[in-house]
Protein backbone atom coordinates (compact mmCIF):
# COMPACT_ATOMS: atom_id res chain seq x y z
CA MET A 1 -7.79 12.04 -2.76
CA PRO A 2 -7.54 8.27 -2.37
CA PHE A 3 -10.58 6.34 -1.29
CA ALA A 4 -10.50 4.16 1.79
CA LYS A 5 -9.92 0.52 0.88
CA ARG A 6 -10.20 -0.94 4.36
CA VAL A 7 -12.22 -0.27 7.46
CA VAL A 8 -10.55 -1.37 10.67
CA GLU A 9 -12.60 -0.96 13.81
CA PRO A 10 -12.11 -2.41 17.26
CA GLN A 11 -14.79 -4.87 18.29
CA LEU A 12 -16.13 -5.52 21.73
CA LEU A 13 -13.81 -7.94 23.45
CA CYS A 14 -16.10 -9.38 26.04
CA ARG A 15 -19.70 -8.34 26.19
CA TYR A 16 -21.44 -10.07 29.07
CA GLN A 17 -24.79 -11.50 27.96
CA ILE A 18 -27.91 -11.54 30.10
CA PRO A 19 -28.18 -14.82 32.00
CA ASN A 20 -30.89 -17.20 30.90
CA GLU A 21 -32.72 -20.07 32.66
CA GLU A 22 -29.73 -22.41 32.38
CA GLY A 23 -27.54 -20.06 34.37
CA LEU A 24 -24.89 -17.54 33.60
CA VAL A 25 -23.19 -17.52 30.22
CA PHE A 26 -19.80 -17.07 31.89
CA GLU A 27 -19.52 -18.66 35.28
CA ASP A 28 -16.28 -17.16 36.51
CA LEU A 29 -13.60 -14.62 35.81
CA VAL A 30 -11.29 -17.20 34.22
CA SER A 31 -13.75 -18.04 31.46
CA ILE A 32 -14.46 -14.32 30.88
CA SER A 33 -10.75 -13.55 30.56
CA ASN A 34 -10.26 -16.56 28.23
CA VAL A 35 -12.99 -15.30 25.93
CA ALA A 36 -11.54 -11.78 26.00
CA LEU A 37 -8.07 -13.15 25.22
CA SER A 38 -9.30 -15.28 22.31
CA ARG A 39 -11.24 -12.35 20.83
CA THR A 40 -8.21 -10.09 21.26
CA LEU A 41 -6.04 -12.61 19.43
CA ARG A 42 -8.62 -12.85 16.65
CA GLN A 43 -8.63 -9.06 16.25
CA LEU A 44 -4.83 -8.97 16.22
CA SER A 45 -4.86 -11.66 13.54
CA ASP A 46 -7.24 -9.59 11.41
CA LEU A 47 -5.06 -6.53 11.93
CA ALA A 48 -1.98 -8.50 10.87
CA LYS A 49 -3.82 -9.61 7.71
CA HIS A 50 -4.62 -5.99 6.90
CA ALA A 51 -0.99 -4.99 7.47
CA CYS A 52 0.22 -7.81 5.23
CA SER A 53 -2.19 -6.72 2.50
CA ILE A 54 -1.00 -3.12 2.77
CA PHE A 55 2.64 -4.16 2.52
CA GLN A 56 1.89 -6.36 -0.51
CA GLU A 57 0.19 -3.43 -2.24
CA LEU A 58 3.15 -1.20 -1.42
CA GLU A 59 5.54 -3.80 -2.78
CA SER A 60 3.63 -4.09 -6.07
CA ASP A 61 3.43 -0.29 -6.41
CA LEU A 62 7.15 0.06 -5.73
CA THR A 63 7.97 -2.70 -8.21
CA SER A 64 5.94 -1.04 -10.97
CA THR A 65 7.49 2.34 -10.15
CA ASN A 66 10.95 0.77 -10.28
CA LEU A 67 10.22 -0.67 -13.73
CA ARG A 68 9.01 2.71 -14.98
CA VAL A 69 12.09 4.47 -13.59
CA ARG A 70 14.39 1.93 -15.24
CA GLY A 71 12.63 2.49 -18.56
CA LEU A 72 13.03 6.24 -18.20
CA GLN A 73 16.71 5.86 -17.27
CA SER A 74 17.37 3.78 -20.38
CA LYS A 75 15.61 6.36 -22.57
CA ILE A 76 17.65 9.16 -20.98
CA SER A 77 20.91 7.29 -21.51
CA GLN A 78 19.96 6.66 -25.17
CA LEU A 79 19.22 10.37 -25.61
CA GLN A 80 22.51 11.32 -23.97
CA GLN A 81 24.40 8.95 -26.23
CA THR A 82 22.61 10.28 -29.33
CA CYS A 83 23.29 13.89 -28.32
CA SER A 84 26.95 13.22 -27.61
CA GLU A 85 27.37 11.67 -31.07
CA LEU A 86 25.97 14.74 -32.80
CA ASP A 87 28.45 17.17 -34.32
CA PRO A 88 26.98 20.67 -34.28
CA LYS A 89 29.11 21.72 -37.27
CA GLN A 90 27.68 18.99 -39.48
CA GLU A 91 24.05 19.50 -38.58
CA ALA A 92 21.94 21.63 -40.89
CA VAL A 93 20.42 24.72 -39.34
CA ARG A 94 17.25 26.18 -40.74
CA GLU A 95 17.28 29.85 -41.46
CA TYR A 96 14.22 31.85 -40.73
CA LEU A 97 13.29 34.86 -42.79
CA THR A 98 12.60 37.99 -40.85
CA LEU A 99 10.19 40.51 -42.21
CA SER A 100 11.21 44.06 -41.73
């Protein structure tokens, strides 16, 4: 079973902080929505980075698998060529003694 390589969790988009003596942290709905939008874009950017990393890993795995398959195909074709060149009438066959 493969182990998890990445942990992707949604973060809070816009948590409203308790106002202090200077006044409210966010004064109006526009600033609240701007903060939520910027945090959403940041999370989407992180998600896109994860997706890019996953696709790069897949590409490297597929490339290595392709190289292995090509190596196996060349070995199979060499074996097929060697077997087709063999003449069964010229090959020595070992005889086994049977005990009765």
